[in-house]
Amino acid sequence: DRIFLLREIGFNRVSFGIQDFNPKVQEAVNRIQPEEMIFNVMSWIREAGFESVNIDLIYGLPYQTLETFSETIDKVIKLNPDRIANFNYAHVPWLKRLQRMIDESALPPPQEKLDILKMTIEKLTNAGYLFIGMDHFAKPDDELAVAQRERTLHRNFQGYTTHAEAELIGFGATSISMLYDAYAQNHKKLKDYYGMIDEGKLPIERGVILNQDDIIRRDVIMRLMSHFQLYKGEIEEKYGIDFDTYFASEMEELKELEKDGLIKIYPDRIDVTPAGRLLIRNIAVTFDIYTKAKKEKRFSKAI
């Protein structure tokens, strides 16, 4: 009834997180949802006439193996969603306290995670999905796939989108708003969130104003992540800069990635290789001055 009501009042897309079908994995991350229930929900979504259905998966969770996650992928293919997001689990217990409850010894080692990712890409592409990039897959007629072919695909902090330059307004606790030159995040604690609303104020906890350099670098990073290719002339024309001069130090850094076979550098563009697609974050971070400035801090591993 809830699903049909959502469709009736205008919602046209559904995304739900399965993460993994394996019961042992579900129990380890406290996300128990029986297989039968998931297939029932998918049938209701289709019956209600939703235009697009996305499924989220996570690889790198406790007790996952190449064999068990392969079974999960087979079941996802049977569900036949329009899009699939396969996220790399980031184990950062120093940032997220709840992760301290996870047994680190049960996490798959880096090589097995790579094998799982390779298997996932192969199985989904063999099933007719296109590898949109980084962690997304879509059917060839899905608007994400069409947008990538037409070079209109865009990426923001929430993922891939066909709505380039769209501003996002976040509602609810912890939500993030993205404007052209600013980001703002609402309070995480309900007490603080509702307290601000009761006072007639926007429940914003923190935010940042972007300068012109931030905007240029964001554009470069998003283009690399969306198209796996960057035409220098497009950036030069849009922002009135000489790319190689403006990013002189970054271009030197990229030469090392080219030696590793992750990118190809041409006079007019930068191309990401198939191997580089798997490590696109590592390539994009070359242009991120904030992450470079925080090298002393610990972030999640790329693999």
C-alpha atoms as a PDB file:
ATOM      1  CA  ASP A   1       0.000   0.000   0.000  1.00  0.00           C
ATOM      2  CA  ARG A   2       2.820   2.398   0.822  1.00  0.00           C
ATOM      3  CA  ILE A   3       4.534   1.760  -2.514  1.00  0.00           C
ATOM      4  CA  PHE A   4       1.346   2.353  -4.487  1.00  0.00           C
ATOM      5  CA  LEU A   5       0.644   5.506  -2.497  1.00  0.00           C
ATOM      6  CA  LEU A   6       4.102   6.886  -3.260  1.00  0.00           C
ATOM      7  CA  ARG A   7       3.570   6.290  -6.977  1.00  0.00           C
ATOM      8  CA  GLU A   8       0.091   7.822  -6.834  1.00  0.00           C
ATOM      9  CA  ILE A   9       1.344  11.083  -5.333  1.00  0.00           C
ATOM     10  CA  GLY A  10       4.079  11.483  -7.943  1.00  0.00           C
ATOM     11  CA  PHE A  11       7.233   9.630  -6.970  1.00  0.00           C
ATOM     12  CA  ASN A  12       8.680   7.952 -10.065  1.00  0.00           C
ATOM     13  CA  ARG A  13      11.973   6.387  -8.932  1.00  0.00           C
ATOM     14  CA  VAL A  14      12.894   3.921  -6.217  1.00  0.00           C
ATOM     15  CA  SER A  15      16.293   3.063  -4.829  1.00  0.00           C
ATOM     16  CA  PHE A  16      16.689   0.504  -2.109  1.00  0.00           C
ATOM     17  CA  GLY A  17      19.738  -0.901  -0.400  1.00  0.00           C
ATOM     18  CA  ILE A  18      20.142  -4.643  -0.502  1.00  0.00           C
ATOM     19  CA  GLN A  19      23.912  -4.552   0.197  1.00  0.00           C
ATOM     20  CA  ASP A  20      24.171  -8.365   0.096  1.00  0.00           C
ATOM     21  CA  PHE A  21      21.769 -11.322  -0.081  1.00  0.00           C
ATOM     22  CA  ASN A  22      23.906 -13.563   2.114  1.00  0.00           C
ATOM     23  CA  PRO A  23      22.237 -14.020   5.568  1.00  0.00           C
ATOM     24  CA  LYS A  24      25.573 -14.204   7.417  1.00  0.00           C
ATOM     25  CA  VAL A  25      26.720 -10.913   5.883  1.00  0.00           C
ATOM     26  CA  GLN A  26      23.355  -9.282   6.608  1.00  0.00           C
ATOM     27  CA  GLU A  27      23.556 -10.339  10.236  1.00  0.00           C
ATOM     28  CA  ALA A  28      27.136  -9.040  10.552  1.00  0.00           C
ATOM     29  CA  VAL A  29      26.070  -5.541   9.478  1.00  0.00           C
ATOM     30  CA  ASN A  30      22.688  -5.670  11.234  1.00  0.00           C
ATOM     31  CA  ARG A  31      20.810  -5.369   7.935  1.00  0.00           C
ATOM     32  CA  ILE A  32      18.628  -8.485   7.892  1.00  0.00           C
ATOM     33  CA  GLN A  33      16.137  -8.602   5.021  1.00  0.00           C
ATOM     34  CA  PRO A  34      14.962 -11.978   3.693  1.00  0.00           C
ATOM     35  CA  GLU A  35      15.381 -12.742   0.005  1.00  0.00           C
ATOM     36  CA  GLU A  36      11.661 -13.449  -0.412  1.00  0.00           C
ATOM     37  CA  MET A  37      10.799 -10.014   0.950  1.00  0.00           C
ATOM     38  CA  ILE A  38      13.159  -8.280  -1.480  1.00  0.00           C
ATOM     39  CA  PHE A  39      11.688 -10.070  -4.495  1.00  0.00           C
ATOM     40  CA  ASN A  40       8.160  -9.245  -3.276  1.00  0.00           C
ATOM     41  CA  VAL A  41       9.023  -5.571  -2.932  1.00  0.00           C
ATOM     42  CA  MET A  42      10.494  -5.499  -6.440  1.00  0.00           C
ATOM     43  CA  SER A  43       7.341  -7.046  -7.892  1.00  0.00           C
ATOM     44  CA  TRP A  44       5.205  -4.400  -6.147  1.00  0.00           C
ATOM     45  CA  ILE A  45       7.452  -1.607  -7.463  1.00  0.00           C
ATOM     46  CA  ARG A  46       7.080  -2.894 -11.010  1.00  0.00           C
ATOM     47  CA  GLU A  47       3.341  -3.369 -10.593  1.00  0.00           C
ATOM     48  CA  ALA A  48       2.998   0.204  -9.334  1.00  0.00           C
ATOM     49  CA  GLY A  49       4.650   1.464 -12.515  1.00  0.00           C
ATOM     50  CA  PHE A  50       7.761   3.196 -11.216  1.00  0.00           C
ATOM     51  CA  GLU A  51       9.879   4.486 -14.098  1.00  0.00           C
ATOM     52  CA  SER A  52      13.265   3.490 -12.709  1.00  0.00           C
ATOM     53  CA  VAL A  53      14.516   1.157  -9.991  1.00  0.00           C
ATOM     54  CA  ASN A  54      18.012   1.229  -8.531  1.00  0.00           C
ATOM     55  CA  ILE A  55      19.623  -1.326  -6.240  1.00  0.00           C
ATOM     56  CA  ASP A  56      22.551  -0.554  -3.948  1.00  0.00           C
ATOM     57  CA  LEU A  57      25.146  -3.200  -3.158  1.00  0.00           C
ATOM     58  CA  ILE A  58      28.249  -2.987  -0.987  1.00  0.00           C
ATOM     59  CA  TYR A  59      31.364  -5.112  -1.462  1.00  0.00           C
ATOM     60  CA  GLY A  60      33.998  -5.534   1.207  1.00  0.00           C
ATOM     61  CA  LEU A  61      31.576  -6.350   4.035  1.00  0.00           C
ATOM     62  CA  PRO A  62      32.348  -8.928   6.767  1.00  0.00           C
ATOM     63  CA  TYR A  63      32.259 -12.585   5.683  1.00  0.00           C
ATOM     64  CA  GLN A  64      31.876 -11.729   2.003  1.00  0.00           C
ATOM     65  CA  THR A  65      33.780 -13.961  -0.377  1.00  0.00           C
ATOM     66  CA  LEU A  66      34.059 -14.064  -4.142  1.00  0.00           C
ATOM     67  CA  GLU A  67      31.701 -17.054  -4.179  1.00  0.00           C
ATOM     68  CA  THR A  68      29.014 -15.592  -1.900  1.00  0.00           C
ATOM     69  CA  PHE A  69      28.975 -12.198  -3.619  1.00  0.00           C
ATOM     70  CA  SER A  70      28.784 -13.924  -6.997  1.00  0.00           C
ATOM     71  CA  GLU A  71      25.543 -15.515  -5.783  1.00  0.00           C
ATOM     72  CA  THR A  72      24.294 -12.075  -4.743  1.00  0.00           C
ATOM     73  CA  ILE A  73      25.037 -10.676  -8.213  1.00  0.00           C
ATOM     74  CA  ASP A  74      23.134 -13.576  -9.825  1.00  0.00           C
ATOM     75  CA  LYS A  75      20.078 -12.766  -7.720  1.00  0.00           C
ATOM     76  CA  VAL A  76      20.336  -9.050  -8.513  1.00  0.00           C
ATOM     77  CA  ILE A  77      20.369  -9.863 -12.223  1.00  0.00           C
ATOM     78  CA  LYS A  78      17.143 -11.853 -11.690  1.00  0.00           C
ATOM     79  CA  LEU A  79      15.590  -8.788 -10.026  1.00  0.00           C
ATOM     80  CA  ASN A  80      16.336  -6.926 -13.273  1.00  0.00           C
ATOM     81  CA  PRO A  81      16.722  -3.366 -11.903  1.00  0.00           C
ATOM     82  CA  ASP A  82      17.340  -0.438 -14.256  1.00  0.00           C
ATOM     83  CA  ARG A  83      20.426   0.669 -12.371  1.00  0.00           C
ATOM     84  CA  ILE A  84      22.849  -0.887  -9.904  1.00  0.00           C
ATOM     85  CA  ALA A  85      25.284   0.875  -7.598  1.00  0.00           C
ATOM     86  CA  ASN A  86      28.067  -1.309  -6.198  1.00  0.00           C
ATOM     87  CA  PHE A  87      29.828   0.639  -3.477  1.00  0.00           C
ATOM     88  CA  ASN A  88      33.163  -0.137  -1.876  1.00  0.00           C
ATOM     89  CA  TYR A  89      32.720  -0.509   1.888  1.00  0.00           C
ATOM     90  CA  ALA A  90      34.837   2.075   3.672  1.00  0.00           C
ATOM     91  CA  HIS A  91      35.902   0.808   7.089  1.00  0.00           C
ATOM     92  CA  VAL A  92      36.551   3.985   9.074  1.00  0.00           C
ATOM     93  CA  PRO A  93      35.755   3.138  12.728  1.00  0.00           C
ATOM     94  CA  TRP A  94      37.672   6.242  13.856  1.00  0.00           C
ATOM     95  CA  LEU A  95      34.997   8.306  12.064  1.00  0.00           C
ATOM     96  CA  LYS A  96      31.928   6.090  12.483  1.00  0.00           C
ATOM     97  CA  ARG A  97      31.560   4.608  15.967  1.00  0.00           C
ATOM     98  CA  LEU A  98      29.046   1.941  14.950  1.00  0.00           C
ATOM     99  CA  GLN A  99      31.693   0.357  12.730  1.00  0.00           C
ATOM    100  CA  ARG A 100      33.652  -0.517  15.863  1.00  0.00           C
ATOM    101  CA  MET A 101      31.140  -3.320  16.352  1.00  0.00           C
ATOM    102  CA  ILE A 102      32.304  -4.952  13.114  1.00  0.00           C
ATOM    103  CA  ASP A 103      34.886  -7.723  13.368  1.00  0.00           C
ATOM    104  CA  GLU A 104      37.794  -6.440  11.272  1.00  0.00           C
ATOM    105  CA  SER A 105      39.232  -9.930  10.938  1.00  0.00           C
ATOM    106  CA  ALA A 106      36.094 -10.934   9.003  1.00  0.00           C
ATOM    107  CA  LEU A 107      36.617  -8.257   6.330  1.00  0.00           C
ATOM    108  CA  PRO A 108      37.817  -9.598   2.957  1.00  0.00           C
ATOM    109  CA  PRO A 109      41.456  -8.745   2.154  1.00  0.00           C
ATOM    110  CA  PRO A 110      42.249  -6.195  -0.612  1.00  0.00           C
ATOM    111  CA  GLN A 111      42.996  -8.838  -3.259  1.00  0.00           C
ATOM    112  CA  GLU A 112      39.669 -10.568  -2.685  1.00  0.00           C
ATOM    113  CA  LYS A 113      37.884  -7.209  -2.884  1.00  0.00           C
ATOM    114  CA  LEU A 114      39.544  -6.605  -6.250  1.00  0.00           C
ATOM    115  CA  ASP A 115      38.477 -10.075  -7.395  1.00  0.00           C
ATOM    116  CA  ILE A 116      34.918  -9.354  -6.235  1.00  0.00           C
ATOM    117  CA  LEU A 117      34.870  -6.062  -8.136  1.00  0.00           C
ATOM    118  CA  LYS A 118      36.268  -7.690 -11.285  1.00  0.00           C
ATOM    119  CA  MET A 119      33.670 -10.472 -11.093  1.00  0.00           C
ATOM    120  CA  THR A 120      30.864  -7.941 -10.556  1.00  0.00           C
ATOM    121  CA  ILE A 121      31.875  -5.893 -13.587  1.00  0.00           C
ATOM    122  CA  GLU A 122      32.132  -8.993 -15.775  1.00  0.00           C
ATOM    123  CA  LYS A 123      28.805 -10.487 -14.683  1.00  0.00           C
ATOM    124  CA  LEU A 124      26.811  -7.275 -14.953  1.00  0.00           C
ATOM    125  CA  THR A 125      28.271  -6.285 -18.321  1.00  0.00           C
ATOM    126  CA  ASN A 126      27.632  -9.815 -19.630  1.00  0.00           C
ATOM    127  CA  ALA A 127      24.031  -9.397 -18.439  1.00  0.00           C
ATOM    128  CA  GLY A 128      23.667  -6.281 -20.611  1.00  0.00           C
ATOM    129  CA  TYR A 129      24.471  -3.507 -18.135  1.00  0.00           C
ATOM    130  CA  LEU A 130      26.889  -0.719 -19.009  1.00  0.00           C
ATOM    131  CA  PHE A 131      29.644   0.187 -16.565  1.00  0.00           C
ATOM    132  CA  ILE A 132      28.788   3.853 -16.136  1.00  0.00           C
ATOM    133  CA  GLY A 133      31.748   4.496 -13.967  1.00  0.00           C
ATOM    134  CA  MET A 134      33.339   4.092 -10.584  1.00  0.00           C
ATOM    135  CA  ASP A 135      30.505   2.147  -8.982  1.00  0.00           C
ATOM    136  CA  HIS A 136      27.414   2.474 -11.190  1.00  0.00           C
ATOM    137  CA  PHE A 137      25.845   0.247 -13.823  1.00  0.00           C
ATOM    138  CA  ALA A 138      22.822   0.939 -16.020  1.00  0.00           C
ATOM    139  CA  LYS A 139      20.885  -0.611 -18.867  1.00  0.00           C
ATOM    140  CA  PRO A 140      21.780   0.812 -22.306  1.00  0.00           C
ATOM    141  CA  ASP A 141      18.451   2.643 -22.624  1.00  0.00           C
ATOM    142  CA  ASP A 142      18.631   4.141 -19.115  1.00  0.00           C
ATOM    143  CA  GLU A 143      19.061   7.911 -19.136  1.00  0.00           C
ATOM    144  CA  LEU A 144      22.371   7.620 -17.271  1.00  0.00           C
ATOM    145  CA  ALA A 145      23.801   5.482 -20.079  1.00  0.00           C
ATOM    146  CA  VAL A 146      22.358   7.809 -22.718  1.00  0.00           C
ATOM    147  CA  ALA A 147      23.791  10.857 -20.932  1.00  0.00           C
ATOM    148  CA  GLN A 148      27.251   9.303 -20.788  1.00  0.00           C
ATOM    149  CA  ARG A 149      27.168   8.562 -24.519  1.00  0.00           C
ATOM    150  CA  GLU A 150      26.129  12.156 -25.171  1.00  0.00           C
ATOM    151  CA  ARG A 151      28.686  13.574 -22.699  1.00  0.00           C
ATOM    152  CA  THR A 152      25.973  15.231 -20.626  1.00  0.00           C
ATOM    153  CA  LEU A 153      26.423  12.988 -17.588  1.00  0.00           C
ATOM    154  CA  HIS A 154      27.195  14.826 -14.381  1.00  0.00           C
ATOM    155  CA  ARG A 155      28.321  13.777 -10.941  1.00  0.00           C
ATOM    156  CA  ASN A 156      27.681  15.446  -7.626  1.00  0.00           C
ATOM    157  CA  PHE A 157      28.328  14.347  -4.050  1.00  0.00           C
ATOM    158  CA  GLN A 158      25.296  12.038  -4.200  1.00  0.00           C
ATOM    159  CA  GLY A 159      26.384  10.182  -7.334  1.00  0.00           C
ATOM    160  CA  TYR A 160      25.723  10.315 -11.052  1.00  0.00           C
ATOM    161  CA  THR A 161      22.917  12.449 -12.432  1.00  0.00           C
ATOM    162  CA  THR A 162      21.597  13.719 -15.752  1.00  0.00           C
ATOM    163  CA  HIS A 163      20.805  17.109 -14.213  1.00  0.00           C
ATOM    164  CA  ALA A 164      24.012  19.070 -14.686  1.00  0.00           C
ATOM    165  CA  GLU A 165      24.458  22.264 -12.685  1.00  0.00           C
ATOM    166  CA  ALA A 166      21.255  21.548 -10.721  1.00  0.00           C
ATOM    167  CA  GLU A 167      21.189  22.901  -7.204  1.00  0.00           C
ATOM    168  CA  LEU A 168      20.163  20.472  -4.471  1.00  0.00           C
ATOM    169  CA  ILE A 169      18.190  21.415  -1.383  1.00  0.00           C
ATOM    170  CA  GLY A 170      18.480  18.979   1.519  1.00  0.00           C
ATOM    171  CA  PHE A 171      15.543  18.396   3.859  1.00  0.00           C
ATOM    172  CA  GLY A 172      15.824  16.463   7.111  1.00  0.00           C
ATOM    173  CA  ALA A 173      18.517  15.801   9.680  1.00  0.00           C
ATOM    174  CA  THR A 174      22.087  15.351   8.299  1.00  0.00           C
ATOM    175  CA  SER A 175      21.008  16.263   4.750  1.00  0.00           C
ATOM    176  CA  ILE A 176      23.323  18.311   2.545  1.00  0.00           C
ATOM    177  CA  SER A 177      22.412  21.142   0.202  1.00  0.00           C
ATOM    178  CA  MET A 178      24.582  22.015  -2.792  1.00  0.00           C
ATOM    179  CA  LEU A 179      24.346  25.429  -4.408  1.00  0.00           C
ATOM    180  CA  TYR A 180      26.537  26.755  -7.216  1.00  0.00           C
ATOM    181  CA  ASP A 181      29.039  28.279  -4.808  1.00  0.00           C
ATOM    182  CA  ALA A 182      28.168  26.756  -1.437  1.00  0.00           C
ATOM    183  CA  TYR A 183      27.489  23.583   0.530  1.00  0.00           C
ATOM    184  CA  ALA A 184      25.472  23.359   3.738  1.00  0.00           C
ATOM    185  CA  GLN A 185      24.713  20.436   6.034  1.00  0.00           C
ATOM    186  CA  ASN A 186      21.819  20.216   8.472  1.00  0.00           C
ATOM    187  CA  HIS A 187      22.254  19.212  12.107  1.00  0.00           C
ATOM    188  CA  LYS A 188      22.829  15.508  12.716  1.00  0.00           C
ATOM    189  CA  LYS A 189      21.210  15.323  16.151  1.00  0.00           C
ATOM    190  CA  LEU A 190      17.417  15.465  16.162  1.00  0.00           C
ATOM    191  CA  LYS A 191      17.391  17.665  19.269  1.00  0.00           C
ATOM    192  CA  ASP A 192      19.499  20.325  17.557  1.00  0.00           C
ATOM    193  CA  TYR A 193      17.655  19.916  14.251  1.00  0.00           C
ATOM    194  CA  TYR A 194      14.156  20.386  15.688  1.00  0.00           C
ATOM    195  CA  GLY A 195      15.365  23.073  18.089  1.00  0.00           C
ATOM    196  CA  MET A 196      16.463  25.270  15.194  1.00  0.00           C
ATOM    197  CA  ILE A 197      13.181  24.668  13.360  1.00  0.00           C
ATOM    198  CA  ASP A 198      11.179  25.585  16.462  1.00  0.00           C
ATOM    199  CA  GLU A 199      13.115  28.870  16.544  1.00  0.00           C
ATOM    200  CA  GLY A 200      12.164  29.541  12.929  1.00  0.00           C
ATOM    201  CA  LYS A 201      15.729  29.123  11.707  1.00  0.00           C
ATOM    202  CA  LEU A 202      17.296  26.969   9.014  1.00  0.00           C
ATOM    203  CA  PRO A 203      18.654  23.860  10.813  1.00  0.00           C
ATOM    204  CA  ILE A 204      22.135  24.236   9.318  1.00  0.00           C
ATOM    205  CA  GLU A 205      25.075  22.980  11.374  1.00  0.00           C
ATOM    206  CA  ARG A 206      27.916  23.859   9.039  1.00  0.00           C
ATOM    207  CA  GLY A 207      28.680  25.036   5.545  1.00  0.00           C
ATOM    208  CA  VAL A 208      31.355  26.279   3.194  1.00  0.00           C
ATOM    209  CA  ILE A 209      31.482  29.015   0.564  1.00  0.00           C
ATOM    210  CA  LEU A 210      33.381  28.077  -2.601  1.00  0.00           C
ATOM    211  CA  ASN A 211      35.872  30.402  -4.226  1.00  0.00           C
ATOM    212  CA  GLN A 212      36.548  30.428  -7.974  1.00  0.00           C
ATOM    213  CA  ASP A 213      39.407  27.952  -7.651  1.00  0.00           C
ATOM    214  CA  ASP A 214      37.088  25.539  -5.782  1.00  0.00           C
ATOM    215  CA  ILE A 215      34.513  25.793  -8.573  1.00  0.00           C
ATOM    216  CA  ILE A 216      37.084  25.155 -11.312  1.00  0.00           C
ATOM    217  CA  ARG A 217      38.583  22.162  -9.506  1.00  0.00           C
ATOM    218  CA  ARG A 218      35.139  20.707  -8.772  1.00  0.00           C
ATOM    219  CA  ASP A 219      34.287  20.926 -12.468  1.00  0.00           C
ATOM    220  CA  VAL A 220      37.525  19.187 -13.487  1.00  0.00           C
ATOM    221  CA  ILE A 221      37.000  16.396 -10.956  1.00  0.00           C
ATOM    222  CA  MET A 222      33.360  15.844 -11.896  1.00  0.00           C
ATOM    223  CA  ARG A 223      34.167  15.694 -15.620  1.00  0.00           C
ATOM    224  CA  LEU A 224      36.849  13.081 -15.027  1.00  0.00           C
ATOM    225  CA  MET A 225      34.495  11.011 -12.882  1.00  0.00           C
ATOM    226  CA  SER A 226      31.600  11.317 -15.341  1.00  0.00           C
ATOM    227  CA  HIS A 227      33.294  10.908 -18.725  1.00  0.00           C
ATOM    228  CA  PHE A 228      36.711   9.384 -17.869  1.00  0.00           C
ATOM    229  CA  GLN A 229      38.034  11.998 -20.228  1.00  0.00           C
ATOM    230  CA  LEU A 230      38.824  15.676 -19.862  1.00  0.00           C
ATOM    231  CA  TYR A 231      39.169  18.129 -22.727  1.00  0.00           C
ATOM    232  CA  LYS A 232      41.388  20.971 -21.580  1.00  0.00           C
ATOM    233  CA  GLY A 233      39.830  23.391 -24.044  1.00  0.00           C
ATOM    234  CA  GLU A 234      36.404  23.070 -22.441  1.00  0.00           C
ATOM    235  CA  ILE A 235      37.794  24.183 -19.077  1.00  0.00           C
ATOM    236  CA  GLU A 236      39.868  26.939 -20.668  1.00  0.00           C
ATOM    237  CA  GLU A 237      36.905  28.366 -22.548  1.00  0.00           C
ATOM    238  CA  LYS A 238      34.533  28.181 -19.578  1.00  0.00           C
ATOM    239  CA  TYR A 239      36.856  29.762 -17.001  1.00  0.00           C
ATOM    240  CA  GLY A 240      39.282  31.839 -19.076  1.00  0.00           C
ATOM    241  CA  ILE A 241      42.446  30.018 -18.004  1.00  0.00           C
ATOM    242  CA  ASP A 242      45.331  28.190 -19.658  1.00  0.00           C
ATOM    243  CA  PHE A 243      44.884  24.637 -18.365  1.00  0.00           C
ATOM    244  CA  ASP A 244      48.518  23.506 -18.419  1.00  0.00           C
ATOM    245  CA  THR A 245      49.674  26.709 -16.711  1.00  0.00           C
ATOM    246  CA  TYR A 246      46.904  26.785 -14.105  1.00  0.00           C
ATOM    247  CA  PHE A 247      47.407  23.123 -13.229  1.00  0.00           C
ATOM    248  CA  ALA A 248      51.164  22.955 -13.817  1.00  0.00           C
ATOM    249  CA  SER A 249      51.946  21.012 -10.619  1.00  0.00           C
ATOM    250  CA  GLU A 250      48.978  18.672 -11.130  1.00  0.00           C
ATOM    251  CA  MET A 251      50.103  17.875 -14.680  1.00  0.00           C
ATOM    252  CA  GLU A 252      53.489  16.830 -13.305  1.00  0.00           C
ATOM    253  CA  GLU A 253      51.780  14.540 -10.785  1.00  0.00           C
ATOM    254  CA  LEU A 254      49.629  13.017 -13.513  1.00  0.00           C
ATOM    255  CA  LYS A 255      52.746  11.883 -15.373  1.00  0.00           C
ATOM    256  CA  GLU A 256      53.356   9.361 -12.592  1.00  0.00           C
ATOM    257  CA  LEU A 257      49.823   7.997 -13.019  1.00  0.00           C
ATOM    258  CA  GLU A 258      50.448   7.759 -16.752  1.00  0.00           C
ATOM    259  CA  LYS A 259      53.530   5.634 -16.046  1.00  0.00           C
ATOM    260  CA  ASP A 260      51.279   3.344 -13.989  1.00  0.00           C
ATOM    261  CA  GLY A 261      48.944   2.940 -16.963  1.00  0.00           C
ATOM    262  CA  LEU A 262      45.990   4.682 -15.305  1.00  0.00           C
ATOM    263  CA  ILE A 263      45.711   7.614 -17.725  1.00  0.00           C
ATOM    264  CA  LYS A 264      46.938   8.832 -21.112  1.00  0.00           C
ATOM    265  CA  ILE A 265      47.945  12.475 -21.458  1.00  0.00           C
ATOM    266  CA  TYR A 266      47.517  14.208 -24.811  1.00  0.00           C
ATOM    267  CA  PRO A 267      48.113  17.859 -25.741  1.00  0.00           C
ATOM    268  CA  ASP A 268      44.368  18.564 -25.783  1.00  0.00           C
ATOM    269  CA  ARG A 269      42.958  16.070 -23.279  1.00  0.00           C
ATOM    270  CA  ILE A 270      43.391  13.511 -20.510  1.00  0.00           C
ATOM    271  CA  ASP A 271      41.989  10.009 -21.035  1.00  0.00           C
ATOM    272  CA  VAL A 272      41.390   7.515 -18.226  1.00  0.00           C
ATOM    273  CA  THR A 273      42.335   3.953 -19.166  1.00  0.00           C
ATOM    274  CA  PRO A 274      40.145   0.922 -18.355  1.00  0.00           C
ATOM    275  CA  ALA A 275      42.430   0.132 -15.399  1.00  0.00           C
ATOM    276  CA  GLY A 276      42.247   3.758 -14.323  1.00  0.00           C
ATOM    277  CA  ARG A 277      38.458   3.603 -14.103  1.00  0.00           C
ATOM    278  CA  LEU A 278      38.773   1.353 -11.076  1.00  0.00           C
ATOM    279  CA  LEU A 279      40.953   3.944  -9.353  1.00  0.00           C
ATOM    280  CA  ILE A 280      39.295   7.101 -10.648  1.00  0.00           C
ATOM    281  CA  ARG A 281      39.154   8.595  -7.144  1.00  0.00           C
ATOM    282  CA  ASN A 282      42.944   8.334  -6.905  1.00  0.00           C
ATOM    283  CA  ILE A 283      43.247  10.140 -10.228  1.00  0.00           C
ATOM    284  CA  ALA A 284      40.714  12.828  -9.381  1.00  0.00           C
ATOM    285  CA  VAL A 285      42.315  13.559  -6.004  1.00  0.00           C
ATOM    286  CA  THR A 286      45.273  15.010  -7.906  1.00  0.00           C
ATOM    287  CA  PHE A 287      43.127  18.124  -8.389  1.00  0.00           C
ATOM    288  CA  ASP A 288      41.791  18.167  -4.800  1.00  0.00           C
ATOM    289  CA  ILE A 289      43.863  20.597  -2.751  1.00  0.00           C
ATOM    290  CA  TYR A 290      41.865  19.922   0.430  1.00  0.00           C
ATOM    291  CA  THR A 291      42.586  16.199   0.588  1.00  0.00           C
ATOM    292  CA  LYS A 292      46.260  16.923  -0.103  1.00  0.00           C
ATOM    293  CA  ALA A 293      46.298  19.352   2.803  1.00  0.00           C
ATOM    294  CA  LYS A 294      44.964  16.635   5.127  1.00  0.00           C
ATOM    295  CA  LYS A 295      47.475  13.919   4.362  1.00  0.00           C
ATOM    296  CA  GLU A 296      48.072  13.439   8.046  1.00  0.00           C
ATOM    297  CA  LYS A 297      44.464  12.321   8.490  1.00  0.00           C
ATOM    298  CA  ARG A 298      43.394   8.753   7.878  1.00  0.00           C
ATOM    299  CA  PHE A 299      40.816   8.076   5.196  1.00  0.00           C
ATOM    300  CA  SER A 300      39.388   4.834   3.859  1.00  0.00           C
ATOM    301  CA  LYS A 301      41.579   2.754   1.563  1.00  0.00           C
ATOM    302  CA  ALA A 302      40.965   2.907  -2.179  1.00  0.00           C
ATOM    303  CA  ILE A 303      40.684  -0.892  -2.305  1.00  0.00           C
END
